[in-house]
Amino acid sequence: MIKKMITLSLCVAVLSVSALAFAEDVYATKNGKKYHKAECVFIKNRDTQKIDQQAAVEKGLKPCGKCMSDGNQSAVEKSKQEKLASKKSSK
């Protein structure tokens, strides 16, 4: 029984450490609704706070359409961006 408890504890510890190792830091403004990468033009020269991406998602923040990869965007956000791009190109 003790061996099982030790094994379980070690597994939990390894999983916790690996989750922290793969966590990506992102940035958000105080009242913003999106999170960004450090080099994003939308947050240059603005007061931001560094936050873990998972924590940003848990807070209800959405990925920035400019700096975050397409894989991180929802279908709705992609659709909105495509509509904006088509409007700009038709002008």
PDB file of N, CA and C in Angstrom:
ATOM      1  N   MET A   1       0.816  -1.195   0.000  1.00  0.00           N
ATOM      2  CA  MET A   1       0.000   0.000   0.000  1.00  0.00           C
ATOM      3  C   MET A   1       0.861   1.261   0.000  1.00  0.00           C
ATOM      4  N   ILE A   2       1.921   1.256   0.772  1.00  0.00           N
ATOM      5  CA  ILE A   2       2.804   2.411   0.851  1.00  0.00           C
ATOM      6  C   ILE A   2       3.502   2.632  -0.490  1.00  0.00           C
ATOM      7  N   LYS A   3       3.894   1.541  -1.155  1.00  0.00           N
ATOM      8  CA  LYS A   3       4.534   1.666  -2.462  1.00  0.00           C
ATOM      9  C   LYS A   3       3.588   2.332  -3.465  1.00  0.00           C
ATOM     10  N   LYS A   4       2.322   1.971  -3.407  1.00  0.00           N
ATOM     11  CA  LYS A   4       1.335   2.562  -4.319  1.00  0.00           C
ATOM     12  C   LYS A   4       1.163   4.050  -4.043  1.00  0.00           C
ATOM     13  N   MET A   5       1.138   4.419  -2.792  1.00  0.00           N
ATOM     14  CA  MET A   5       1.007   5.832  -2.429  1.00  0.00           C
ATOM     15  C   MET A   5       2.222   6.636  -2.886  1.00  0.00           C
ATOM     16  N   ILE A   6       3.401   6.073  -2.702  1.00  0.00           N
ATOM     17  CA  ILE A   6       4.619   6.758  -3.135  1.00  0.00           C
ATOM     18  C   ILE A   6       4.629   6.892  -4.658  1.00  0.00           C
ATOM     19  N   THR A   7       4.266   5.829  -5.351  1.00  0.00           N
ATOM     20  CA  THR A   7       4.224   5.852  -6.811  1.00  0.00           C
ATOM     21  C   THR A   7       3.212   6.886  -7.295  1.00  0.00           C
ATOM     22  N   LEU A   8       2.056   6.915  -6.688  1.00  0.00           N
ATOM     23  CA  LEU A   8       1.028   7.891  -7.058  1.00  0.00           C
ATOM     24  C   LEU A   8       1.512   9.314  -6.804  1.00  0.00           C
ATOM     25  N   SER A   9       2.149   9.535  -5.684  1.00  0.00           N
ATOM     26  CA  SER A   9       2.679  10.863  -5.359  1.00  0.00           C
ATOM     27  C   SER A   9       3.733  11.312  -6.363  1.00  0.00           C
ATOM     28  N   LEU A  10       4.600  10.399  -6.755  1.00  0.00           N
ATOM     29  CA  LEU A  10       5.622  10.732  -7.743  1.00  0.00           C
ATOM     30  C   LEU A  10       5.002  11.049  -9.099  1.00  0.00           C
ATOM     31  N   CYS A  11       3.988  10.301  -9.489  1.00  0.00           N
ATOM     32  CA  CYS A  11       3.302  10.559 -10.762  1.00  0.00           C
ATOM     33  C   CYS A  11       2.657  11.946 -10.753  1.00  0.00           C
ATOM     34  N   VAL A  12       2.007  12.293  -9.674  1.00  0.00           N
ATOM     35  CA  VAL A  12       1.372  13.602  -9.558  1.00  0.00           C
ATOM     36  C   VAL A  12       2.433  14.707  -9.620  1.00  0.00           C
ATOM     37  N   ALA A  13       3.543  14.508  -8.957  1.00  0.00           N
ATOM     38  CA  ALA A  13       4.616  15.500  -8.963  1.00  0.00           C
ATOM     39  C   ALA A  13       5.187  15.680 -10.367  1.00  0.00           C
ATOM     40  N   VAL A  14       5.412  14.592 -11.073  1.00  0.00           N
ATOM     41  CA  VAL A  14       5.955  14.663 -12.436  1.00  0.00           C
ATOM     42  C   VAL A  14       4.971  15.363 -13.358  1.00  0.00           C
ATOM     43  N   LEU A  15       3.706  15.046 -13.267  1.00  0.00           N
ATOM     44  CA  LEU A  15       2.700  15.687 -14.108  1.00  0.00           C
ATOM     45  C   LEU A  15       2.589  17.178 -13.818  1.00  0.00           C
ATOM     46  N   SER A  16       2.686  17.547 -12.564  1.00  0.00           N
ATOM     47  CA  SER A  16       2.615  18.962 -12.201  1.00  0.00           C
ATOM     48  C   SER A  16       3.796  19.742 -12.759  1.00  0.00           C
ATOM     49  N   VAL A  17       4.965  19.187 -12.644  1.00  0.00           N
ATOM     50  CA  VAL A  17       6.168  19.843 -13.147  1.00  0.00           C
ATOM     51  C   VAL A  17       6.127  19.948 -14.664  1.00  0.00           C
ATOM     52  N   SER A  18       5.674  18.899 -15.344  1.00  0.00           N
ATOM     53  CA  SER A  18       5.629  18.950 -16.809  1.00  0.00           C
ATOM     54  C   SER A  18       4.597  19.956 -17.295  1.00  0.00           C
ATOM     55  N   ALA A  19       3.506  20.098 -16.587  1.00  0.00           N
ATOM     56  CA  ALA A  19       2.496  21.085 -16.970  1.00  0.00           C
ATOM     57  C   ALA A  19       3.059  22.495 -16.828  1.00  0.00           C
ATOM     58  N   LEU A  20       3.824  22.745 -15.808  1.00  0.00           N
ATOM     59  CA  LEU A  20       4.437  24.058 -15.618  1.00  0.00           C
ATOM     60  C   LEU A  20       5.510  24.334 -16.664  1.00  0.00           C
ATOM     61  N   ALA A  21       6.211  23.302 -17.080  1.00  0.00           N
ATOM     62  CA  ALA A  21       7.280  23.476 -18.058  1.00  0.00           C
ATOM     63  C   ALA A  21       6.735  23.881 -19.418  1.00  0.00           C
ATOM     64  N   PHE A  22       5.541  23.434 -19.763  1.00  0.00           N
ATOM     65  CA  PHE A  22       4.965  23.725 -21.063  1.00  0.00           C
ATOM     66  C   PHE A  22       4.025  24.923 -21.053  1.00  0.00           C
ATOM     67  N   ALA A  23       3.832  25.532 -19.918  1.00  0.00           N
ATOM     68  CA  ALA A  23       2.954  26.701 -19.828  1.00  0.00           C
ATOM     69  C   ALA A  23       3.617  27.881 -20.524  1.00  0.00           C
ATOM     70  N   GLU A  24       2.856  28.574 -21.348  1.00  0.00           N
ATOM     71  CA  GLU A  24       3.373  29.723 -22.079  1.00  0.00           C
ATOM     72  C   GLU A  24       2.916  31.000 -21.401  1.00  0.00           C
ATOM     73  N   ASP A  25       3.840  31.921 -21.256  1.00  0.00           N
ATOM     74  CA  ASP A  25       3.496  33.219 -20.686  1.00  0.00           C
ATOM     75  C   ASP A  25       2.939  34.114 -21.779  1.00  0.00           C
ATOM     76  N   VAL A  26       1.871  34.799 -21.459  1.00  0.00           N
ATOM     77  CA  VAL A  26       1.251  35.754 -22.365  1.00  0.00           C
ATOM     78  C   VAL A  26       1.053  37.053 -21.593  1.00  0.00           C
ATOM     79  N   TYR A  27       0.580  38.069 -22.272  1.00  0.00           N
ATOM     80  CA  TYR A  27       0.431  39.382 -21.650  1.00  0.00           C
ATOM     81  C   TYR A  27      -0.982  39.910 -21.876  1.00  0.00           C
ATOM     82  N   ALA A  28      -1.493  40.593 -20.874  1.00  0.00           N
ATOM     83  CA  ALA A  28      -2.828  41.179 -20.958  1.00  0.00           C
ATOM     84  C   ALA A  28      -2.790  42.567 -20.341  1.00  0.00           C
ATOM     85  N   THR A  29      -3.618  43.458 -20.894  1.00  0.00           N
ATOM     86  CA  THR A  29      -3.755  44.783 -20.307  1.00  0.00           C
ATOM     87  C   THR A  29      -4.759  44.694 -19.164  1.00  0.00           C
ATOM     88  N   LYS A  30      -4.803  45.729 -18.360  1.00  0.00           N
ATOM     89  CA  LYS A  30      -5.656  45.715 -17.171  1.00  0.00           C
ATOM     90  C   LYS A  30      -7.128  45.461 -17.513  1.00  0.00           C
ATOM     91  N   ASN A  31      -7.654  46.146 -18.500  1.00  0.00           N
ATOM     92  CA  ASN A  31      -9.066  46.007 -18.855  1.00  0.00           C
ATOM     93  C   ASN A  31      -9.289  45.283 -20.177  1.00  0.00           C
ATOM     94  N   GLY A  32      -8.235  44.693 -20.722  1.00  0.00           N
ATOM     95  CA  GLY A  32      -8.334  44.039 -22.020  1.00  0.00           C
ATOM     96  C   GLY A  32      -9.161  42.761 -21.977  1.00  0.00           C
ATOM     97  N   LYS A  33      -9.592  42.342 -23.150  1.00  0.00           N
ATOM     98  CA  LYS A  33     -10.386  41.121 -23.284  1.00  0.00           C
ATOM     99  C   LYS A  33      -9.621  40.038 -24.022  1.00  0.00           C
ATOM    100  N   LYS A  34      -8.364  40.344 -24.393  1.00  0.00           N
ATOM    101  CA  LYS A  34      -7.542  39.401 -25.140  1.00  0.00           C
ATOM    102  C   LYS A  34      -6.173  39.279 -24.496  1.00  0.00           C
ATOM    103  N   TYR A  35      -5.495  38.178 -24.802  1.00  0.00           N
ATOM    104  CA  TYR A  35      -4.115  38.014 -24.360  1.00  0.00           C
ATOM    105  C   TYR A  35      -3.205  38.004 -25.581  1.00  0.00           C
ATOM    106  N   HIS A  36      -1.953  38.411 -25.366  1.00  0.00           N
ATOM    107  CA  HIS A  36      -1.027  38.675 -26.459  1.00  0.00           C
ATOM    108  C   HIS A  36       0.343  38.073 -26.175  1.00  0.00           C
ATOM    109  N   LYS A  37       1.131  37.941 -27.242  1.00  0.00           N
ATOM    110  CA  LYS A  37       2.543  37.611 -27.099  1.00  0.00           C
ATOM    111  C   LYS A  37       3.284  38.906 -26.780  1.00  0.00           C
ATOM    112  N   ALA A  38       4.468  38.789 -26.235  1.00  0.00           N
ATOM    113  CA  ALA A  38       5.228  39.966 -25.798  1.00  0.00           C
ATOM    114  C   ALA A  38       5.491  40.945 -26.929  1.00  0.00           C
ATOM    115  N   GLU A  39       5.677  40.450 -28.152  1.00  0.00           N
ATOM    116  CA  GLU A  39       6.036  41.325 -29.265  1.00  0.00           C
ATOM    117  C   GLU A  39       4.831  41.900 -30.022  1.00  0.00           C
ATOM    118  N   CYS A  40       3.631  41.683 -29.543  1.00  0.00           N
ATOM    119  CA  CYS A  40       2.424  42.139 -30.230  1.00  0.00           C
ATOM    120  C   CYS A  40       2.364  43.668 -30.318  1.00  0.00           C
ATOM    121  N   VAL A  41       1.985  44.165 -31.503  1.00  0.00           N
ATOM    122  CA  VAL A  41       1.906  45.616 -31.703  1.00  0.00           C
ATOM    123  C   VAL A  41       0.767  46.251 -30.903  1.00  0.00           C
ATOM    124  N   PHE A  42      -0.235  45.484 -30.556  1.00  0.00           N
ATOM    125  CA  PHE A  42      -1.375  46.028 -29.823  1.00  0.00           C
ATOM    126  C   PHE A  42      -1.047  46.346 -28.366  1.00  0.00           C
ATOM    127  N   ILE A  43       0.028  45.784 -27.844  1.00  0.00           N
ATOM    128  CA  ILE A  43       0.372  46.061 -26.443  1.00  0.00           C
ATOM    129  C   ILE A  43       1.687  46.806 -26.295  1.00  0.00           C
ATOM    130  N   LYS A  44       2.311  47.190 -27.397  1.00  0.00           N
ATOM    131  CA  LYS A  44       3.554  47.966 -27.317  1.00  0.00           C
ATOM    132  C   LYS A  44       3.281  49.273 -26.585  1.00  0.00           C
ATOM    133  N   ASN A  45       4.162  49.631 -25.687  1.00  0.00           N
ATOM    134  CA  ASN A  45       4.083  50.870 -24.903  1.00  0.00           C
ATOM    135  C   ASN A  45       2.813  50.959 -24.052  1.00  0.00           C
ATOM    136  N   ARG A  46       2.289  49.815 -23.643  1.00  0.00           N
ATOM    137  CA  ARG A  46       1.111  49.803 -22.766  1.00  0.00           C
ATOM    138  C   ARG A  46       1.463  49.048 -21.491  1.00  0.00           C
ATOM    139  N   ASP A  47       0.763  49.362 -20.438  1.00  0.00           N
ATOM    140  CA  ASP A  47       0.970  48.699 -19.161  1.00  0.00           C
ATOM    141  C   ASP A  47       0.304  47.318 -19.229  1.00  0.00           C
ATOM    142  N   THR A  48       1.099  46.272 -19.130  1.00  0.00           N
ATOM    143  CA  THR A  48       0.572  44.907 -19.216  1.00  0.00           C
ATOM    144  C   THR A  48       1.020  44.090 -18.013  1.00  0.00           C
ATOM    145  N   GLN A  49       0.359  42.974 -17.846  1.00  0.00           N
ATOM    146  CA  GLN A  49       0.788  42.040 -16.815  1.00  0.00           C
ATOM    147  C   GLN A  49       1.067  40.699 -17.463  1.00  0.00           C
ATOM    148  N   LYS A  50       2.132  40.060 -17.019  1.00  0.00           N
ATOM    149  CA  LYS A  50       2.515  38.752 -17.513  1.00  0.00           C
ATOM    150  C   LYS A  50       1.629  37.721 -16.831  1.00  0.00           C
ATOM    151  N   ILE A  51       1.074  36.796 -17.614  1.00  0.00           N
ATOM    152  CA  ILE A  51       0.156  35.805 -17.073  1.00  0.00           C
ATOM    153  C   ILE A  51       0.338  34.501 -17.833  1.00  0.00           C
ATOM    154  N   ASP A  52       0.119  33.410 -17.175  1.00  0.00           N
ATOM    155  CA  ASP A  52       0.169  32.103 -17.816  1.00  0.00           C
ATOM    156  C   ASP A  52      -1.012  31.987 -18.784  1.00  0.00           C
ATOM    157  N   GLN A  53      -0.789  31.393 -19.945  1.00  0.00           N
ATOM    158  CA  GLN A  53      -1.845  31.297 -20.951  1.00  0.00           C
ATOM    159  C   GLN A  53      -3.077  30.564 -20.407  1.00  0.00           C
ATOM    160  N   GLN A  54      -2.870  29.517 -19.664  1.00  0.00           N
ATOM    161  CA  GLN A  54      -4.001  28.782 -19.099  1.00  0.00           C
ATOM    162  C   GLN A  54      -4.795  29.660 -18.139  1.00  0.00           C
ATOM    163  N   ALA A  55      -4.105  30.460 -17.350  1.00  0.00           N
ATOM    164  CA  ALA A  55      -4.791  31.370 -16.429  1.00  0.00           C
ATOM    165  C   ALA A  55      -5.565  32.431 -17.204  1.00  0.00           C
ATOM    166  N   ALA A  56      -5.003  32.881 -18.325  1.00  0.00           N
ATOM    167  CA  ALA A  56      -5.700  33.862 -19.159  1.00  0.00           C
ATOM    168  C   ALA A  56      -6.994  33.283 -19.708  1.00  0.00           C
ATOM    169  N   VAL A  57      -6.942  32.042 -20.159  1.00  0.00           N
ATOM    170  CA  VAL A  57      -8.139  31.374 -20.675  1.00  0.00           C
ATOM    171  C   VAL A  57      -9.168  31.198 -19.565  1.00  0.00           C
ATOM    172  N   GLU A  58      -8.703  30.830 -18.385  1.00  0.00           N
ATOM    173  CA  GLU A  58      -9.604  30.653 -17.251  1.00  0.00           C
ATOM    174  C   GLU A  58     -10.274  31.970 -16.848  1.00  0.00           C
ATOM    175  N   LYS A  59      -9.582  33.092 -17.074  1.00  0.00           N
ATOM    176  CA  LYS A  59     -10.159  34.406 -16.779  1.00  0.00           C
ATOM    177  C   LYS A  59     -11.164  34.839 -17.844  1.00  0.00           C
ATOM    178  N   GLY A  60     -11.237  34.091 -18.927  1.00  0.00           N
ATOM    179  CA  GLY A  60     -12.166  34.432 -20.000  1.00  0.00           C
ATOM    180  C   GLY A  60     -11.556  35.267 -21.106  1.00  0.00           C
ATOM    181  N   LEU A  61     -10.235  35.438 -21.089  1.00  0.00           N
ATOM    182  CA  LEU A  61      -9.575  36.196 -22.142  1.00  0.00           C
ATOM    183  C   LEU A  61      -9.469  35.350 -23.406  1.00  0.00           C
ATOM    184  N   LYS A  62      -9.537  36.008 -24.544  1.00  0.00           N
ATOM    185  CA  LYS A  62      -9.441  35.349 -25.843  1.00  0.00           C
ATOM    186  C   LYS A  62      -8.070  35.642 -26.450  1.00  0.00           C
ATOM    187  N   PRO A  63      -7.580  34.795 -27.357  1.00  0.00           N
ATOM    188  CA  PRO A  63      -6.283  35.066 -27.986  1.00  0.00           C
ATOM    189  C   PRO A  63      -6.377  36.226 -28.967  1.00  0.00           C
ATOM    190  N   CYS A  64      -5.333  37.008 -29.035  1.00  0.00           N
ATOM    191  CA  CYS A  64      -5.254  38.117 -29.977  1.00  0.00           C
ATOM    192  C   CYS A  64      -5.223  37.576 -31.399  1.00  0.00           C
ATOM    193  N   GLY A  65      -5.992  38.175 -32.265  1.00  0.00           N
ATOM    194  CA  GLY A  65      -6.038  37.729 -33.649  1.00  0.00           C
ATOM    195  C   GLY A  65      -4.792  38.082 -34.433  1.00  0.00           C
ATOM    196  N   LYS A  66      -4.011  39.029 -33.953  1.00  0.00           N
ATOM    197  CA  LYS A  66      -2.815  39.480 -34.665  1.00  0.00           C
ATOM    198  C   LYS A  66      -1.590  38.642 -34.315  1.00  0.00           C
ATOM    199  N   CYS A  67      -1.362  38.409 -33.046  1.00  0.00           N
ATOM    200  CA  CYS A  67      -0.094  37.787 -32.644  1.00  0.00           C
ATOM    201  C   CYS A  67      -0.176  36.298 -32.305  1.00  0.00           C
ATOM    202  N   MET A  68      -1.359  35.812 -32.029  1.00  0.00           N
ATOM    203  CA  MET A  68      -1.485  34.396 -31.690  1.00  0.00           C
ATOM    204  C   MET A  68      -1.709  33.590 -32.967  1.00  0.00           C
ATOM    205  N   SER A  69      -1.219  32.377 -32.987  1.00  0.00           N
ATOM    206  CA  SER A  69      -1.347  31.550 -34.188  1.00  0.00           C
ATOM    207  C   SER A  69      -2.795  31.189 -34.465  1.00  0.00           C
ATOM    208  N   ASP A  70      -3.091  30.842 -35.706  1.00  0.00           N
ATOM    209  CA  ASP A  70      -4.443  30.466 -36.097  1.00  0.00           C
ATOM    210  C   ASP A  70      -4.962  29.279 -35.289  1.00  0.00           C
ATOM    211  N   GLY A  71      -4.067  28.420 -34.857  1.00  0.00           N
ATOM    212  CA  GLY A  71      -4.477  27.263 -34.074  1.00  0.00           C
ATOM    213  C   GLY A  71      -5.063  27.620 -32.724  1.00  0.00           C
ATOM    214  N   ASN A  72      -4.770  28.825 -32.236  1.00  0.00           N
ATOM    215  CA  ASN A  72      -5.270  29.262 -30.936  1.00  0.00           C
ATOM    216  C   ASN A  72      -6.574  30.044 -31.034  1.00  0.00           C
ATOM    217  N   GLN A  73      -7.032  30.320 -32.253  1.00  0.00           N
ATOM    218  CA  GLN A  73      -8.231  31.120 -32.423  1.00  0.00           C
ATOM    219  C   GLN A  73      -9.452  30.237 -32.584  1.00  0.00           C
ATOM    220  N   SER A  74     -10.581  30.732 -32.145  1.00  0.00           N
ATOM    221  CA  SER A  74     -11.824  30.011 -32.335  1.00  0.00           C
ATOM    222  C   SER A  74     -12.306  30.211 -33.760  1.00  0.00           C
ATOM    223  N   ALA A  75     -13.227  29.390 -34.199  1.00  0.00           N
ATOM    224  CA  ALA A  75     -13.784  29.497 -35.541  1.00  0.00           C
ATOM    225  C   ALA A  75     -14.481  30.845 -35.730  1.00  0.00           C
ATOM    226  N   VAL A  76     -15.131  31.351 -34.694  1.00  0.00           N
ATOM    227  CA  VAL A  76     -15.814  32.635 -34.773  1.00  0.00           C
ATOM    228  C   VAL A  76     -14.809  33.757 -35.006  1.00  0.00           C
ATOM    229  N   GLU A  77     -13.690  33.750 -34.264  1.00  0.00           N
ATOM    230  CA  GLU A  77     -12.676  34.782 -34.434  1.00  0.00           C
ATOM    231  C   GLU A  77     -12.056  34.735 -35.823  1.00  0.00           C
ATOM    232  N   LYS A  78     -11.796  33.531 -36.341  1.00  0.00           N
ATOM    233  CA  LYS A  78     -11.246  33.388 -37.683  1.00  0.00           C
ATOM    234  C   LYS A  78     -12.210  33.955 -38.712  1.00  0.00           C
ATOM    235  N   SER A  79     -13.488  33.654 -38.549  1.00  0.00           N
ATOM    236  CA  SER A  79     -14.504  34.136 -39.482  1.00  0.00           C
ATOM    237  C   SER A  79     -14.563  35.654 -39.489  1.00  0.00           C
ATOM    238  N   LYS A  80     -14.521  36.262 -38.304  1.00  0.00           N
ATOM    239  CA  LYS A  80     -14.549  37.719 -38.205  1.00  0.00           C
ATOM    240  C   LYS A  80     -13.351  38.331 -38.918  1.00  0.00           C
ATOM    241  N   GLN A  81     -12.172  37.751 -38.714  1.00  0.00           N
ATOM    242  CA  GLN A  81     -10.973  38.287 -39.339  1.00  0.00           C
ATOM    243  C   GLN A  81     -11.034  38.139 -40.853  1.00  0.00           C
ATOM    244  N   GLU A  82     -11.551  37.036 -41.344  1.00  0.00           N
ATOM    245  CA  GLU A  82     -11.661  36.834 -42.783  1.00  0.00           C
ATOM    246  C   GLU A  82     -12.627  37.849 -43.393  1.00  0.00           C
ATOM    247  N   LYS A  83     -13.734  38.135 -42.714  1.00  0.00           N
ATOM    248  CA  LYS A  83     -14.695  39.118 -43.206  1.00  0.00           C
ATOM    249  C   LYS A  83     -14.063  40.505 -43.258  1.00  0.00           C
ATOM    250  N   LEU A  84     -13.322  40.880 -42.210  1.00  0.00           N
ATOM    251  CA  LEU A  84     -12.651  42.178 -42.201  1.00  0.00           C
ATOM    252  C   LEU A  84     -11.628  42.278 -43.331  1.00  0.00           C
ATOM    253  N   ALA A  85     -10.878  41.213 -43.538  1.00  0.00           N
ATOM    254  CA  ALA A  85      -9.867  41.206 -44.595  1.00  0.00           C
ATOM    255  C   ALA A  85     -10.510  41.331 -45.966  1.00  0.00           C
ATOM    256  N   SER A  86     -11.629  40.653 -46.185  1.00  0.00           N
ATOM    257  CA  SER A  86     -12.284  40.728 -47.492  1.00  0.00           C
ATOM    258  C   SER A  86     -12.882  42.123 -47.729  1.00  0.00           C
ATOM    259  N   LYS A  87     -13.372  42.767 -46.675  1.00  0.00           N
ATOM    260  CA  LYS A  87     -13.903  44.134 -46.804  1.00  0.00           C
ATOM    261  C   LYS A  87     -12.779  45.099 -47.175  1.00  0.00           C
ATOM    262  N   LYS A  88     -11.626  44.948 -46.541  1.00  0.00           N
ATOM    263  CA  LYS A  88     -10.494  45.834 -46.814  1.00  0.00           C
ATOM    264  C   LYS A  88      -9.981  45.641 -48.243  1.00  0.00           C
ATOM    265  N   SER A  89      -9.938  44.404 -48.704  1.00  0.00           N
ATOM    266  CA  SER A  89      -9.405  44.145 -50.041  1.00  0.00           C
ATOM    267  C   SER A  89     -10.363  44.568 -51.144  1.00  0.00           C
ATOM    268  N   SER A  90     -11.672  44.644 -50.849  1.00  0.00           N
ATOM    269  CA  SER A  90     -12.649  45.046 -51.861  1.00  0.00           C
ATOM    270  C   SER A  90     -12.724  46.556 -52.027  1.00  0.00           C
ATOM    271  N   LYS A  91     -12.162  47.312 -51.103  1.00  0.00           N
ATOM    272  CA  LYS A  91     -12.206  48.778 -51.173  1.00  0.00           C
ATOM    273  C   LYS A  91     -11.202  49.332 -52.119  1.00  0.00           C
TER     274      LYS A  91
END
